[in-house]
Protein backbone atom coordinates (compact mmCIF):
# COMPACT_ATOMS: atom_id res chain seq x y z
CA UNK A 1 0.00 0.00 0.00
CA UNK A 2 1.34 3.44 -0.91
CA UNK A 3 1.74 5.78 2.06
CA UNK A 4 -0.57 8.79 2.04
CA UNK A 5 0.91 12.14 3.01
CA UNK A 6 -0.47 13.65 6.20
CA UNK A 7 -2.37 16.90 5.74
CA UNK A 8 -1.20 20.00 7.61
CA UNK A 9 -4.50 20.59 9.42
CA UNK A 10 -6.08 18.77 12.37
CA UNK A 11 -9.00 16.38 12.01
CA UNK A 12 -11.84 16.33 14.51
CA UNK A 13 -14.38 13.68 15.33
CA UNK A 14 -17.20 13.53 17.88
CA UNK A 15 -17.36 11.04 20.72
CA UNK A 16 -20.61 9.03 20.81
CA UNK A 17 -22.48 8.08 23.99
CA UNK A 18 -20.86 4.65 23.68
CA UNK A 19 -17.37 6.21 23.67
CA UNK A 20 -16.83 5.54 19.97
CA UNK A 21 -14.99 7.85 17.60
CA UNK A 22 -14.89 7.65 13.82
CA UNK A 23 -11.36 7.74 12.45
CA UNK A 24 -11.45 10.08 9.45
CA UNK A 25 -11.07 8.33 6.08
CA UNK A 26 -7.82 10.16 5.27
CA UNK A 27 -6.23 8.91 8.50
CA UNK A 28 -7.54 5.36 7.90
CA UNK A 29 -5.88 5.42 4.47
CA UNK A 30 -2.65 6.79 5.96
CA UNK A 31 -2.56 3.92 8.47
CA UNK A 32 -3.75 1.29 5.99
CA UNK A 33 -6.79 0.48 8.13
CA UNK A 34 -9.87 -1.36 6.88
CA UNK A 35 -13.17 -2.32 8.49
CA UNK A 36 -12.73 -4.64 11.50
CA UNK A 37 -8.99 -3.92 11.81
CA UNK A 38 -7.73 -3.52 15.36
CA UNK A 39 -6.08 -0.29 16.49
CA UNK A 40 -3.77 0.39 19.42
CA UNK A 41 -3.97 3.52 21.57
CA UNK A 42 -0.74 4.74 23.18
CA UNK A 43 -1.13 7.41 25.86
CA UNK A 44 1.90 9.52 26.69
CA UNK A 45 2.31 13.01 28.16
CA UNK A 46 -1.42 13.69 28.00
CA UNK A 47 -1.67 12.80 24.30
CA UNK A 48 -3.03 9.75 22.53
CA UNK A 49 -1.43 8.14 19.50
CA UNK A 50 -3.31 5.64 17.36
CA UNK A 51 -1.62 2.92 15.32
CA UNK A 52 -2.59 -0.33 13.63
CA UNK A 53 -2.57 -3.15 16.20
CA UNK A 54 -1.09 -6.32 14.83
CA UNK A 55 -1.43 -9.70 16.43
CA UNK A 56 1.57 -10.66 18.52
CA UNK A 57 1.36 -14.10 16.93
CA UNK A 58 1.47 -12.63 13.42
CA UNK A 59 4.34 -10.29 14.33
CA UNK A 60 6.48 -13.02 15.89
CA UNK A 61 5.61 -16.00 13.70
CA UNK A 62 8.72 -17.75 12.49
CA UNK A 63 11.30 -15.78 14.48
CA UNK A 64 12.16 -18.72 16.71
CA UNK A 65 13.67 -21.45 14.56
CA UNK A 66 14.01 -25.03 15.74
CA UNK A 67 15.32 -28.30 14.41
CA UNK A 68 12.41 -30.04 16.17
CA UNK A 69 9.32 -30.36 13.97
CA UNK A 70 6.15 -28.63 15.19
CA UNK A 71 3.39 -30.65 16.79
CA UNK A 72 -0.06 -30.69 15.26
CA UNK A 73 -2.68 -28.81 17.33
CA UNK A 74 -4.13 -32.16 18.44
CA UNK A 75 -0.73 -33.55 19.47
CA UNK A 76 0.14 -30.27 21.19
CA UNK A 77 -3.08 -30.49 23.23
CA UNK A 78 -2.34 -34.11 24.20
CA UNK A 79 1.21 -33.19 25.19
CA UNK A 80 0.00 -30.25 27.29
CA UNK A 81 -2.61 -32.40 29.06
CA UNK A 82 -0.03 -35.09 29.82
CA UNK A 83 2.41 -32.51 31.19
CA UNK A 84 -0.26 -30.91 33.40
CA UNK A 85 -1.25 -34.36 34.72
CA UNK A 86 2.40 -35.15 35.54
CA UNK A 87 2.82 -31.80 37.34
CA UNK A 88 -0.37 -32.41 39.34
CA UNK A 89 0.92 -35.85 40.35
CA UNK A 90 4.23 -34.32 41.49
CA UNK A 91 2.40 -31.77 43.65
CA UNK A 92 0.36 -34.51 45.31
CA UNK A 93 3.43 -36.62 46.07
PDB file of N, CA and C in Angstrom:
ATOM      1  N   UNK A   1       0.837  -1.170   0.000  1.00  0.00           N
ATOM      2  CA  UNK A   1       0.000   0.000   0.000  1.00  0.00           C
ATOM      3  C   UNK A   1       0.885   1.238   0.000  1.00  0.00           C
ATOM      4  N   UNK A   2       0.565   2.216  -0.810  1.00  0.00           N
ATOM      5  CA  UNK A   2       1.336   3.442  -0.912  1.00  0.00           C
ATOM      6  C   UNK A   2       1.006   4.358   0.251  1.00  0.00           C
ATOM      7  N   UNK A   3       2.021   4.876   0.951  1.00  0.00           N
ATOM      8  CA  UNK A   3       1.742   5.776   2.062  1.00  0.00           C
ATOM      9  C   UNK A   3       1.056   7.049   1.562  1.00  0.00           C
ATOM     10  N   UNK A   4       0.143   7.559   2.365  1.00  0.00           N
ATOM     11  CA  UNK A   4      -0.572   8.786   2.042  1.00  0.00           C
ATOM     12  C   UNK A   4       0.028   9.889   2.886  1.00  0.00           C
ATOM     13  N   UNK A   5       0.307  11.021   2.281  1.00  0.00           N
ATOM     14  CA  UNK A   5       0.913  12.136   3.008  1.00  0.00           C
ATOM     15  C   UNK A   5      -0.087  12.734   3.986  1.00  0.00           C
ATOM     16  N   UNK A   6       0.394  13.066   5.172  1.00  0.00           N
ATOM     17  CA  UNK A   6      -0.467  13.653   6.196  1.00  0.00           C
ATOM     18  C   UNK A   6      -0.768  15.105   5.851  1.00  0.00           C
ATOM     19  N   UNK A   7      -2.027  15.500   5.982  1.00  0.00           N
ATOM     20  CA  UNK A   7      -2.368  16.904   5.744  1.00  0.00           C
ATOM     21  C   UNK A   7      -1.824  17.783   6.867  1.00  0.00           C
ATOM     22  N   UNK A   8      -1.770  19.056   6.644  1.00  0.00           N
ATOM     23  CA  UNK A   8      -1.201  19.997   7.609  1.00  0.00           C
ATOM     24  C   UNK A   8      -2.245  20.560   8.575  1.00  0.00           C
ATOM     25  N   UNK A   9      -3.456  20.078   8.542  1.00  0.00           N
ATOM     26  CA  UNK A   9      -4.503  20.594   9.421  1.00  0.00           C
ATOM     27  C   UNK A   9      -5.032  19.471  10.301  1.00  0.00           C
ATOM     28  N   UNK A  10      -5.575  19.815  11.477  1.00  0.00           N
ATOM     29  CA  UNK A  10      -6.078  18.767  12.372  1.00  0.00           C
ATOM     30  C   UNK A  10      -7.434  18.240  11.917  1.00  0.00           C
ATOM     31  N   UNK A  11      -7.697  17.001  12.244  1.00  0.00           N
ATOM     32  CA  UNK A  11      -8.995  16.384  12.010  1.00  0.00           C
ATOM     33  C   UNK A  11      -9.741  16.359  13.334  1.00  0.00           C
ATOM     34  N   UNK A  12     -11.035  16.466  13.295  1.00  0.00           N
ATOM     35  CA  UNK A  12     -11.836  16.333  14.508  1.00  0.00           C
ATOM     36  C   UNK A  12     -12.902  15.277  14.280  1.00  0.00           C
ATOM     37  N   UNK A  13     -13.335  14.682  15.367  1.00  0.00           N
ATOM     38  CA  UNK A  13     -14.383  13.679  15.329  1.00  0.00           C
ATOM     39  C   UNK A  13     -15.116  13.759  16.657  1.00  0.00           C
ATOM     40  N   UNK A  14     -16.396  13.464  16.657  1.00  0.00           N
ATOM     41  CA  UNK A  14     -17.195  13.525  17.885  1.00  0.00           C
ATOM     42  C   UNK A  14     -17.218  12.172  18.587  1.00  0.00           C
ATOM     43  N   UNK A  15     -17.269  12.238  19.895  1.00  0.00           N
ATOM     44  CA  UNK A  15     -17.361  11.044  20.720  1.00  0.00           C
ATOM     45  C   UNK A  15     -18.833  10.699  20.904  1.00  0.00           C
ATOM     46  N   UNK A  16     -19.213   9.445  20.632  1.00  0.00           N
ATOM     47  CA  UNK A  16     -20.609   9.029  20.807  1.00  0.00           C
ATOM     48  C   UNK A  16     -20.866   8.700  22.278  1.00  0.00           C
ATOM     49  N   UNK A  17     -22.127   8.470  22.620  1.00  0.00           N
ATOM     50  CA  UNK A  17     -22.484   8.081  23.989  1.00  0.00           C
ATOM     51  C   UNK A  17     -21.818   6.774  24.383  1.00  0.00           C
ATOM     52  N   UNK A  18     -21.519   5.939  23.410  1.00  0.00           N
ATOM     53  CA  UNK A  18     -20.858   4.655  23.678  1.00  0.00           C
ATOM     54  C   UNK A  18     -19.341   4.793  23.768  1.00  0.00           C
ATOM     55  N   UNK A  19     -18.822   6.002  23.609  1.00  0.00           N
ATOM     56  CA  UNK A  19     -17.374   6.211  23.674  1.00  0.00           C
ATOM     57  C   UNK A  19     -16.672   5.903  22.372  1.00  0.00           C
ATOM     58  N   UNK A  20     -17.421   5.857  21.276  1.00  0.00           N
ATOM     59  CA  UNK A  20     -16.833   5.544  19.972  1.00  0.00           C
ATOM     60  C   UNK A  20     -16.493   6.818  19.219  1.00  0.00           C
ATOM     61  N   UNK A  21     -15.430   6.738  18.437  1.00  0.00           N
ATOM     62  CA  UNK A  21     -14.987   7.846  17.597  1.00  0.00           C
ATOM     63  C   UNK A  21     -14.748   7.301  16.197  1.00  0.00           C
ATOM     64  N   UNK A  22     -15.176   8.037  15.195  1.00  0.00           N
ATOM     65  CA  UNK A  22     -14.893   7.647  13.817  1.00  0.00           C
ATOM     66  C   UNK A  22     -13.521   8.186  13.434  1.00  0.00           C
ATOM     67  N   UNK A  23     -12.679   7.306  12.943  1.00  0.00           N
ATOM     68  CA  UNK A  23     -11.364   7.740  12.450  1.00  0.00           C
ATOM     69  C   UNK A  23     -11.589   8.269  11.040  1.00  0.00           C
ATOM     70  N   UNK A  24     -11.226   9.524  10.786  1.00  0.00           N
ATOM     71  CA  UNK A  24     -11.449  10.083   9.449  1.00  0.00           C
ATOM     72  C   UNK A  24     -10.827   9.222   8.349  1.00  0.00           C
ATOM     73  N   UNK A  25     -11.497   9.177   7.202  1.00  0.00           N
ATOM     74  CA  UNK A  25     -11.065   8.331   6.083  1.00  0.00           C
ATOM     75  C   UNK A  25      -9.621   8.591   5.689  1.00  0.00           C
ATOM     76  N   UNK A  26      -9.197   9.841   5.669  1.00  0.00           N
ATOM     77  CA  UNK A  26      -7.820  10.161   5.270  1.00  0.00           C
ATOM     78  C   UNK A  26      -6.822   9.498   6.224  1.00  0.00           C
ATOM     79  N   UNK A  27      -7.125   9.530   7.509  1.00  0.00           N
ATOM     80  CA  UNK A  27      -6.234   8.912   8.496  1.00  0.00           C
ATOM     81  C   UNK A  27      -6.268   7.392   8.359  1.00  0.00           C
ATOM     82  N   UNK A  28      -7.457   6.819   8.121  1.00  0.00           N
ATOM     83  CA  UNK A  28      -7.541   5.362   7.904  1.00  0.00           C
ATOM     84  C   UNK A  28      -6.682   4.954   6.717  1.00  0.00           C
ATOM     85  N   UNK A  29      -6.722   5.728   5.651  1.00  0.00           N
ATOM     86  CA  UNK A  29      -5.883   5.417   4.474  1.00  0.00           C
ATOM     87  C   UNK A  29      -4.406   5.545   4.817  1.00  0.00           C
ATOM     88  N   UNK A  30      -4.052   6.595   5.566  1.00  0.00           N
ATOM     89  CA  UNK A  30      -2.648   6.789   5.964  1.00  0.00           C
ATOM     90  C   UNK A  30      -2.120   5.584   6.749  1.00  0.00           C
ATOM     91  N   UNK A  31      -2.973   5.033   7.614  1.00  0.00           N
ATOM     92  CA  UNK A  31      -2.565   3.916   8.468  1.00  0.00           C
ATOM     93  C   UNK A  31      -2.818   2.554   7.838  1.00  0.00           C
ATOM     94  N   UNK A  32      -3.451   2.557   6.662  1.00  0.00           N
ATOM     95  CA  UNK A  32      -3.750   1.292   5.989  1.00  0.00           C
ATOM     96  C   UNK A  32      -4.810   0.486   6.712  1.00  0.00           C
ATOM     97  N   UNK A  33      -5.755   1.153   7.361  1.00  0.00           N
ATOM     98  CA  UNK A  33      -6.792   0.479   8.131  1.00  0.00           C
ATOM     99  C   UNK A  33      -8.011   0.178   7.279  1.00  0.00           C
ATOM    100  N   UNK A  34      -8.624  -0.947   7.542  1.00  0.00           N
ATOM    101  CA  UNK A  34      -9.867  -1.356   6.884  1.00  0.00           C
ATOM    102  C   UNK A  34     -10.876  -1.717   7.958  1.00  0.00           C
ATOM    103  N   UNK A  35     -12.114  -1.931   7.547  1.00  0.00           N
ATOM    104  CA  UNK A  35     -13.165  -2.322   8.486  1.00  0.00           C
ATOM    105  C   UNK A  35     -12.724  -3.551   9.279  1.00  0.00           C
ATOM    106  N   UNK A  36     -13.014  -3.566  10.545  1.00  0.00           N
ATOM    107  CA  UNK A  36     -12.731  -4.637  11.496  1.00  0.00           C
ATOM    108  C   UNK A  36     -11.262  -4.765  11.897  1.00  0.00           C
ATOM    109  N   UNK A  37     -10.375  -3.905  11.362  1.00  0.00           N
ATOM    110  CA  UNK A  37      -8.986  -3.916  11.810  1.00  0.00           C
ATOM    111  C   UNK A  37      -8.929  -3.459  13.262  1.00  0.00           C
ATOM    112  N   UNK A  38      -7.957  -3.938  13.981  1.00  0.00           N
ATOM    113  CA  UNK A  38      -7.732  -3.517  15.361  1.00  0.00           C
ATOM    114  C   UNK A  38      -6.782  -2.332  15.365  1.00  0.00           C
ATOM    115  N   UNK A  39      -6.980  -1.427  16.327  1.00  0.00           N
ATOM    116  CA  UNK A  39      -6.078  -0.293  16.488  1.00  0.00           C
ATOM    117  C   UNK A  39      -5.569  -0.275  17.921  1.00  0.00           C
ATOM    118  N   UNK A  40      -4.381   0.256  18.092  1.00  0.00           N
ATOM    119  CA  UNK A  40      -3.770   0.385  19.415  1.00  0.00           C
ATOM    120  C   UNK A  40      -3.741   1.857  19.785  1.00  0.00           C
ATOM    121  N   UNK A  41      -4.032   2.154  21.055  1.00  0.00           N
ATOM    122  CA  UNK A  41      -3.967   3.517  21.568  1.00  0.00           C
ATOM    123  C   UNK A  41      -2.792   3.592  22.527  1.00  0.00           C
ATOM    124  N   UNK A  42      -1.900   4.545  22.314  1.00  0.00           N
ATOM    125  CA  UNK A  42      -0.742   4.743  23.175  1.00  0.00           C
ATOM    126  C   UNK A  42      -0.886   6.117  23.815  1.00  0.00           C
ATOM    127  N   UNK A  43      -0.966   6.151  25.134  1.00  0.00           N
ATOM    128  CA  UNK A  43      -1.133   7.407  25.861  1.00  0.00           C
ATOM    129  C   UNK A  43       0.207   7.794  26.467  1.00  0.00           C
ATOM    130  N   UNK A  44       0.630   9.034  26.181  1.00  0.00           N
ATOM    131  CA  UNK A  44       1.905   9.518  26.689  1.00  0.00           C
ATOM    132  C   UNK A  44       1.842  11.035  26.791  1.00  0.00           C
ATOM    133  N   UNK A  45       2.241  11.564  27.933  1.00  0.00           N
ATOM    134  CA  UNK A  45       2.312  13.009  28.162  1.00  0.00           C
ATOM    135  C   UNK A  45       0.990  13.707  27.815  1.00  0.00           C
ATOM    136  N   UNK A  46      -0.119  13.087  28.206  1.00  0.00           N
ATOM    137  CA  UNK A  46      -1.422  13.694  27.997  1.00  0.00           C
ATOM    138  C   UNK A  46      -1.922  13.675  26.565  1.00  0.00           C
ATOM    139  N   UNK A  47      -1.258  12.915  25.696  1.00  0.00           N
ATOM    140  CA  UNK A  47      -1.671  12.804  24.300  1.00  0.00           C
ATOM    141  C   UNK A  47      -1.891  11.338  23.961  1.00  0.00           C
ATOM    142  N   UNK A  48      -2.732  11.114  22.959  1.00  0.00           N
ATOM    143  CA  UNK A  48      -3.032   9.746  22.531  1.00  0.00           C
ATOM    144  C   UNK A  48      -2.553   9.570  21.094  1.00  0.00           C
ATOM    145  N   UNK A  49      -1.836   8.506  20.857  1.00  0.00           N
ATOM    146  CA  UNK A  49      -1.432   8.140  19.499  1.00  0.00           C
ATOM    147  C   UNK A  49      -2.211   6.890  19.120  1.00  0.00           C
ATOM    148  N   UNK A  50      -2.583   6.807  17.854  1.00  0.00           N
ATOM    149  CA  UNK A  50      -3.306   5.636  17.364  1.00  0.00           C
ATOM    150  C   UNK A  50      -2.455   4.980  16.281  1.00  0.00           C
ATOM    151  N   UNK A  51      -2.416   3.660  16.297  1.00  0.00           N
ATOM    152  CA  UNK A  51      -1.620   2.921  15.321  1.00  0.00           C
ATOM    153  C   UNK A  51      -2.305   1.591  15.039  1.00  0.00           C
ATOM    154  N   UNK A  52      -2.033   0.999  13.891  1.00  0.00           N
ATOM    155  CA  UNK A  52      -2.585  -0.333  13.631  1.00  0.00           C
ATOM    156  C   UNK A  52      -2.079  -1.307  14.691  1.00  0.00           C
ATOM    157  N   UNK A  53      -2.961  -2.131  15.217  1.00  0.00           N
ATOM    158  CA  UNK A  53      -2.573  -3.146  16.203  1.00  0.00           C
ATOM    159  C   UNK A  53      -2.465  -4.468  15.462  1.00  0.00           C
ATOM    160  N   UNK A  54      -1.305  -5.054  15.511  1.00  0.00           N
ATOM    161  CA  UNK A  54      -1.091  -6.318  14.825  1.00  0.00           C
ATOM    162  C   UNK A  54      -0.974  -7.417  15.865  1.00  0.00           C
ATOM    163  N   UNK A  55      -1.481  -8.555  15.539  1.00  0.00           N
ATOM    164  CA  UNK A  55      -1.432  -9.702  16.429  1.00  0.00           C
ATOM    165  C   UNK A  55       0.008 -10.017  16.800  1.00  0.00           C
ATOM    166  N   UNK A  56       0.236 -10.273  18.067  1.00  0.00           N
ATOM    167  CA  UNK A  56       1.568 -10.663  18.524  1.00  0.00           C
ATOM    168  C   UNK A  56       1.992 -11.957  17.830  1.00  0.00           C
ATOM    169  N   UNK A  57       1.049 -12.850  17.607  1.00  0.00           N
ATOM    170  CA  UNK A  57       1.364 -14.101  16.928  1.00  0.00           C
ATOM    171  C   UNK A  57       1.832 -13.814  15.503  1.00  0.00           C
ATOM    172  N   UNK A  58       1.105 -12.951  14.801  1.00  0.00           N
ATOM    173  CA  UNK A  58       1.473 -12.631  13.422  1.00  0.00           C
ATOM    174  C   UNK A  58       2.823 -11.921  13.361  1.00  0.00           C
ATOM    175  N   UNK A  59       3.078 -11.037  14.346  1.00  0.00           N
ATOM    176  CA  UNK A  59       4.344 -10.293  14.333  1.00  0.00           C
ATOM    177  C   UNK A  59       5.544 -11.163  14.659  1.00  0.00           C
ATOM    178  N   UNK A  60       5.339 -12.218  15.449  1.00  0.00           N
ATOM    179  CA  UNK A  60       6.479 -13.019  15.891  1.00  0.00           C
ATOM    180  C   UNK A  60       6.564 -14.382  15.217  1.00  0.00           C
ATOM    181  N   UNK A  61       5.610 -14.693  14.352  1.00  0.00           N
ATOM    182  CA  UNK A  61       5.606 -16.002  13.697  1.00  0.00           C
ATOM    183  C   UNK A  61       6.907 -16.231  12.942  1.00  0.00           C
ATOM    184  N   UNK A  62       7.527 -17.361  13.225  1.00  0.00           N
ATOM    185  CA  UNK A  62       8.720 -17.749  12.486  1.00  0.00           C
ATOM    186  C   UNK A  62      10.031 -17.194  12.996  1.00  0.00           C
ATOM    187  N   UNK A  63      10.021 -16.351  14.050  1.00  0.00           N
ATOM    188  CA  UNK A  63      11.297 -15.779  14.484  1.00  0.00           C
ATOM    189  C   UNK A  63      12.117 -16.752  15.325  1.00  0.00           C
ATOM    190  N   UNK A  64      11.443 -17.720  15.933  1.00  0.00           N
ATOM    191  CA  UNK A  64      12.165 -18.725  16.713  1.00  0.00           C
ATOM    192  C   UNK A  64      12.272 -20.001  15.891  1.00  0.00           C
ATOM    193  N   UNK A  65      13.449 -20.271  15.402  1.00  0.00           N
ATOM    194  CA  UNK A  65      13.668 -21.450  14.564  1.00  0.00           C
ATOM    195  C   UNK A  65      14.068 -22.632  15.440  1.00  0.00           C
ATOM    196  N   UNK A  66      13.690 -23.817  15.003  1.00  0.00           N
ATOM    197  CA  UNK A  66      14.014 -25.027  15.744  1.00  0.00           C
ATOM    198  C   UNK A  66      14.242 -26.168  14.775  1.00  0.00           C
ATOM    199  N   UNK A  67      15.087 -27.086  15.181  1.00  0.00           N
ATOM    200  CA  UNK A  67      15.321 -28.301  14.411  1.00  0.00           C
ATOM    201  C   UNK A  67      14.212 -29.321  14.672  1.00  0.00           C
ATOM    202  N   UNK A  68      13.476 -29.115  15.780  1.00  0.00           N
ATOM    203  CA  UNK A  68      12.410 -30.042  16.170  1.00  0.00           C
ATOM    204  C   UNK A  68      11.151 -29.682  15.386  1.00  0.00           C
ATOM    205  N   UNK A  69      10.547 -30.666  14.723  1.00  0.00           N
ATOM    206  CA  UNK A  69       9.322 -30.359  13.973  1.00  0.00           C
ATOM    207  C   UNK A  69       8.181 -29.954  14.903  1.00  0.00           C
ATOM    208  N   UNK A  70       7.299 -29.096  14.412  1.00  0.00           N
ATOM    209  CA  UNK A  70       6.151 -28.629  15.189  1.00  0.00           C
ATOM    210  C   UNK A  70       5.165 -29.770  15.406  1.00  0.00           C
ATOM    211  N   UNK A  71       4.459 -29.689  16.531  1.00  0.00           N
ATOM    212  CA  UNK A  71       3.394 -30.646  16.789  1.00  0.00           C
ATOM    213  C   UNK A  71       2.114 -30.147  16.122  1.00  0.00           C
ATOM    214  N   UNK A  72       1.255 -31.073  15.766  1.00  0.00           N
ATOM    215  CA  UNK A  72      -0.063 -30.686  15.264  1.00  0.00           C
ATOM    216  C   UNK A  72      -0.848 -30.125  16.450  1.00  0.00           C
ATOM    217  N   UNK A  73      -1.884 -29.325  16.204  1.00  0.00           N
ATOM    218  CA  UNK A  73      -2.678 -28.811  17.330  1.00  0.00           C
ATOM    219  C   UNK A  73      -3.199 -29.931  18.231  1.00  0.00           C
ATOM    220  N   UNK A  74      -3.617 -31.038  17.640  1.00  0.00           N
ATOM    221  CA  UNK A  74      -4.131 -32.163  18.436  1.00  0.00           C
ATOM    222  C   UNK A  74      -3.030 -32.740  19.312  1.00  0.00           C
ATOM    223  N   UNK A  75      -1.848 -32.995  18.707  1.00  0.00           N
ATOM    224  CA  UNK A  75      -0.730 -33.550  19.472  1.00  0.00           C
ATOM    225  C   UNK A  75      -0.244 -32.574  20.544  1.00  0.00           C
ATOM    226  N   UNK A  76      -0.269 -31.284  20.214  1.00  0.00           N
ATOM    227  CA  UNK A  76       0.142 -30.272  21.190  1.00  0.00           C
ATOM    228  C   UNK A  76      -0.797 -30.293  22.400  1.00  0.00           C
ATOM    229  N   UNK A  77      -2.094 -30.420  22.143  1.00  0.00           N
ATOM    230  CA  UNK A  77      -3.082 -30.490  23.227  1.00  0.00           C
ATOM    231  C   UNK A  77      -2.834 -31.716  24.095  1.00  0.00           C
ATOM    232  N   UNK A  78      -2.603 -32.859  23.462  1.00  0.00           N
ATOM    233  CA  UNK A  78      -2.339 -34.107  24.197  1.00  0.00           C
ATOM    234  C   UNK A  78      -1.090 -33.951  25.054  1.00  0.00           C
ATOM    235  N   UNK A  79      -0.045 -33.390  24.464  1.00  0.00           N
ATOM    236  CA  UNK A  79       1.215 -33.188  25.194  1.00  0.00           C
ATOM    237  C   UNK A  79       1.008 -32.266  26.396  1.00  0.00           C
ATOM    238  N   UNK A  80       0.264 -31.193  26.200  1.00  0.00           N
ATOM    239  CA  UNK A  80       0.005 -30.251  27.290  1.00  0.00           C
ATOM    240  C   UNK A  80      -0.785 -30.919  28.407  1.00  0.00           C
ATOM    241  N   UNK A  81      -1.803 -31.706  28.056  1.00  0.00           N
ATOM    242  CA  UNK A  81      -2.607 -32.401  29.062  1.00  0.00           C
ATOM    243  C   UNK A  81      -1.767 -33.402  29.842  1.00  0.00           C
ATOM    244  N   UNK A  82      -0.899 -34.120  29.147  1.00  0.00           N
ATOM    245  CA  UNK A  82      -0.031 -35.090  29.824  1.00  0.00           C
ATOM    246  C   UNK A  82       0.934 -34.388  30.778  1.00  0.00           C
ATOM    247  N   UNK A  83       1.482 -33.275  30.347  1.00  0.00           N
ATOM    248  CA  UNK A  83       2.408 -32.511  31.187  1.00  0.00           C
ATOM    249  C   UNK A  83       1.702 -31.969  32.420  1.00  0.00           C
ATOM    250  N   UNK A  84       0.498 -31.434  32.250  1.00  0.00           N
ATOM    251  CA  UNK A  84      -0.257 -30.914  33.397  1.00  0.00           C
ATOM    252  C   UNK A  84      -0.600 -32.031  34.374  1.00  0.00           C
ATOM    253  N   UNK A  85      -0.942 -33.218  33.860  1.00  0.00           N
ATOM    254  CA  UNK A  85      -1.250 -34.359  34.723  1.00  0.00           C
ATOM    255  C   UNK A  85      -0.013 -34.771  35.518  1.00  0.00           C
ATOM    256  N   UNK A  86       1.151 -34.783  34.858  1.00  0.00           N
ATOM    257  CA  UNK A  86       2.396 -35.146  35.539  1.00  0.00           C
ATOM    258  C   UNK A  86       2.727 -34.127  36.624  1.00  0.00           C
ATOM    259  N   UNK A  87       2.541 -32.839  36.340  1.00  0.00           N
ATOM    260  CA  UNK A  87       2.824 -31.803  37.335  1.00  0.00           C
ATOM    261  C   UNK A  87       1.869 -31.907  38.510  1.00  0.00           C
ATOM    262  N   UNK A  88       0.606 -32.244  38.248  1.00  0.00           N
ATOM    263  CA  UNK A  88      -0.369 -32.412  39.337  1.00  0.00           C
ATOM    264  C   UNK A  88       0.020 -33.594  40.210  1.00  0.00           C
ATOM    265  N   UNK A  89       0.490 -34.673  39.588  1.00  0.00           N
ATOM    266  CA  UNK A  89       0.925 -35.852  40.349  1.00  0.00           C
ATOM    267  C   UNK A  89       2.127 -35.511  41.223  1.00  0.00           C
ATOM    268  N   UNK A  90       3.049 -34.703  40.716  1.00  0.00           N
ATOM    269  CA  UNK A  90       4.227 -34.319  41.493  1.00  0.00           C
ATOM    270  C   UNK A  90       3.836 -33.468  42.701  1.00  0.00           C
ATOM    271  N   UNK A  91       2.835 -32.616  42.543  1.00  0.00           N
ATOM    272  CA  UNK A  91       2.395 -31.768  43.654  1.00  0.00           C
ATOM    273  C   UNK A  91       1.712 -32.580  44.736  1.00  0.00           C
ATOM    274  N   UNK A  92       1.029 -33.651  44.349  1.00  0.00           N
ATOM    275  CA  UNK A  92       0.359 -34.509  45.315  1.00  0.00           C
ATOM    276  C   UNK A  92       1.334 -35.376  46.089  1.00  0.00           C
ATOM    277  N   UNK A  93       2.452 -35.694  45.454  1.00  0.00           N
ATOM    278  CA  UNK A  93       3.428 -36.623  46.066  1.00  0.00           C
ATOM    279  C   UNK A  93       4.208 -35.982  47.196  1.00  0.00           C
TER     280      UNK A  93
END
